[in-house]
Protein backbone atom coordinates (compact mmCIF):
# COMPACT_ATOMS: atom_id res chain seq x y z
CA MET A 1 0.00 0.00 0.00
CA LYS A 2 1.35 3.45 -0.95
CA LYS A 3 1.54 6.17 1.60
CA PHE A 4 0.74 9.77 0.74
CA THR A 5 1.81 12.82 2.61
CA LEU A 6 -0.56 15.73 2.52
CA LEU A 7 0.90 19.18 2.76
CA PHE A 8 -1.34 22.09 3.68
CA LEU A 9 -0.12 25.54 2.85
CA ILE A 10 -1.75 28.43 4.62
CA ILE A 11 -1.47 31.67 2.75
CA SER A 12 -1.95 34.71 4.89
CA SER A 13 -3.85 37.65 3.53
CA PRO A 14 -4.27 41.17 4.82
CA ALA A 15 -6.98 41.63 7.40
CA PHE A 16 -10.41 42.08 5.88
CA SER A 17 -11.45 45.68 5.57
CA ALA A 18 -14.98 46.69 4.68
CA GLU A 19 -13.74 50.02 3.32
CA ARG A 20 -12.28 50.20 -0.16
CA PRO A 21 -10.98 53.40 -1.78
CA LEU A 22 -11.78 53.83 -5.48
CA SER A 23 -10.64 56.52 -7.87
CA CYS A 24 -13.33 57.64 -10.36
CA HIS A 25 -12.65 59.66 -13.53
CA LEU A 26 -14.64 61.43 -16.24
CA GLU A 27 -12.80 62.05 -19.53
CA PHE A 28 -13.24 62.87 -23.18
CA GLN A 29 -11.70 60.26 -25.45
CA ALA A 30 -10.38 60.46 -29.00
CA SER A 31 -9.91 57.25 -30.95
CA ASN A 32 -7.69 58.24 -33.87
CA PRO A 33 -5.05 58.69 -32.57
CA TRP A 34 -6.09 57.52 -29.10
CA SER A 35 -6.00 60.26 -26.48
CA SER A 36 -7.94 61.25 -23.37
CA TYR A 37 -8.80 64.67 -21.96
CA PHE A 38 -9.37 64.91 -18.20
CA LEU A 39 -12.65 66.47 -17.02
CA ALA A 40 -13.24 65.41 -13.40
CA ARG A 41 -11.92 63.07 -10.71
CA GLU A 42 -13.44 61.93 -7.45
CA ALA A 43 -12.06 59.74 -4.68
CA VAL A 44 -14.79 57.41 -3.43
CA LEU A 45 -14.66 55.31 -0.31
CA PHE A 46 -16.79 52.21 -0.84
CA ASP A 47 -17.86 50.62 2.43
CA ALA A 48 -19.15 47.05 2.01
CA GLN A 49 -20.95 47.38 5.35
CA LYS A 50 -22.78 50.52 4.12
CA PRO A 51 -23.02 50.36 0.29
CA GLU A 52 -25.64 53.11 0.25
CA THR A 53 -22.84 55.58 1.00
CA MET A 54 -21.34 55.08 -2.49
CA ASN A 55 -23.30 57.71 -4.38
CA THR A 56 -21.14 59.94 -6.54
CA LEU A 57 -21.65 62.46 -9.31
CA LEU A 58 -18.71 63.44 -11.51
CA ARG A 59 -19.55 66.56 -13.45
CA SER A 60 -18.08 68.72 -16.18
CA GLU A 61 -19.65 71.67 -17.96
CA ASN A 62 -21.58 69.51 -20.44
CA TYR A 63 -21.48 65.92 -19.12
CA SER A 64 -21.88 63.95 -15.90
CA CYS A 65 -21.45 60.43 -14.59
CA ALA A 66 -23.78 59.27 -11.81
CA ILE A 67 -22.76 56.28 -9.68
CA SER A 68 -25.24 54.93 -7.14
CA HIS A 69 -26.40 51.79 -5.36
CA ASN A 70 -29.71 50.02 -5.72
CA LEU A 71 -30.09 48.33 -2.34
CA ASN A 72 -33.28 46.57 -3.49
CA ALA A 73 -31.81 44.90 -6.58
CA PRO A 74 -33.09 41.33 -7.02
CA PHE A 75 -29.59 40.06 -7.84
CA ASN A 76 -26.01 41.06 -7.01
CA LEU A 77 -26.01 43.76 -9.71
CA THR A 78 -26.41 46.67 -7.33
CA LEU A 79 -24.08 49.34 -8.75
CA ASN A 80 -25.78 51.66 -11.26
CA VAL A 81 -23.62 53.84 -13.52
CA ALA A 82 -25.00 56.32 -16.07
CA LEU A 83 -23.59 59.02 -18.37
CA PHE A 84 -25.71 62.13 -19.03
CA ASP A 85 -25.42 65.25 -21.19
CA LYS A 86 -26.11 68.74 -19.80
CA GLU A 87 -29.82 68.48 -20.71
CA GLY A 88 -30.13 65.31 -18.61
CA LYS A 89 -30.37 62.94 -21.59
CA ARG A 90 -28.96 59.54 -20.65
CA LEU A 91 -26.16 58.58 -23.06
CA ALA A 92 -25.25 55.21 -21.52
CA TYR A 93 -26.27 53.05 -18.59
CA GLN A 94 -24.71 50.03 -16.92
CA VAL A 95 -25.58 47.81 -13.94
CA LEU A 96 -22.68 46.03 -12.23
CA PRO A 97 -21.80 44.02 -9.13
CA SER A 98 -20.53 46.08 -6.21
CA PRO A 99 -16.81 46.18 -5.52
CA GLY A 100 -15.78 43.15 -3.49
CA SER A 101 -13.26 43.28 -0.72
CA ASP A 102 -10.67 40.80 -1.93
CA SER A 103 -9.93 41.34 -5.62
CA PRO A 104 -9.02 44.24 -7.91
CA TYR A 105 -11.98 46.26 -9.13
CA LEU A 106 -12.40 48.31 -12.29
CA PHE A 107 -15.28 49.34 -14.50
CA GLU A 108 -15.58 51.65 -17.48
CA LEU A 109 -18.60 53.09 -19.26
CA GLY A 110 -18.38 55.10 -22.49
CA ALA A 111 -20.66 56.72 -25.03
CA PRO A 112 -20.29 58.52 -28.37
CA ILE A 113 -20.81 62.30 -28.23
CA THR A 114 -20.87 65.24 -30.61
CA PRO A 115 -17.16 65.74 -31.40
CA GLN A 116 -15.34 68.29 -29.23
CA LEU A 117 -12.33 70.02 -30.80
CA LEU A 118 -9.78 70.60 -28.02
CA THR A 119 -6.04 71.13 -27.71
CA LYS A 120 -4.06 68.52 -25.78
CA ASP A 121 -0.26 68.55 -25.55
CA GLY A 122 -0.18 71.35 -28.14
CA VAL A 123 -2.12 69.29 -30.69
CA LEU A 124 -5.68 70.00 -31.82
CA ARG A 125 -7.69 66.78 -31.38
CA ASN A 126 -11.24 65.70 -32.07
CA PHE A 127 -12.69 64.01 -28.95
CA ASP A 128 -15.72 61.94 -29.96
CA SER A 129 -16.49 59.91 -26.83
CA ILE A 130 -17.09 60.46 -23.13
CA ARG A 131 -16.06 57.84 -20.59
CA CYS A 132 -16.38 57.29 -16.87
CA TYR A 133 -14.29 54.72 -15.02
CA CYS A 134 -13.56 53.76 -11.42
CA GLY A 135 -11.02 51.40 -9.98
CA ASP A 136 -8.67 50.64 -7.15
CA THR A 137 -5.80 49.47 -9.33
CA LEU A 138 -5.49 52.40 -11.74
CA GLU A 139 -1.98 53.06 -12.94
CA LYS A 140 -0.73 56.40 -14.14
CA ARG A 141 0.05 56.48 -17.87
């Protein structure tokens, strides 16, 4: 009869924290060549114990991104994200799971817009999309 040795490896992880900082951004985006134009940024503290506290509005002169929680959602898709123009017309809408506490989190929502001609880095560019994104693992480009 063969003998087997079982080896258990315990991997320690940081202590669980209900609070999770997220960085949210609102930007214009150009696709040819690719470029982004910063409009607004908001630091959001998501608390898994109190998800109703994650309600944020990023706003520029002509566009906004609303992020809120639906505590009565029938499934785990409780995070509502929507892009609006200055007249309040919804350009895009997305329903997502809430940020967890143990894995990287990132979402992005974009919509086509009337092109905006703006100068970035000394170059005149045509920005034809608006995008909103939030994450805890964003890296500076």
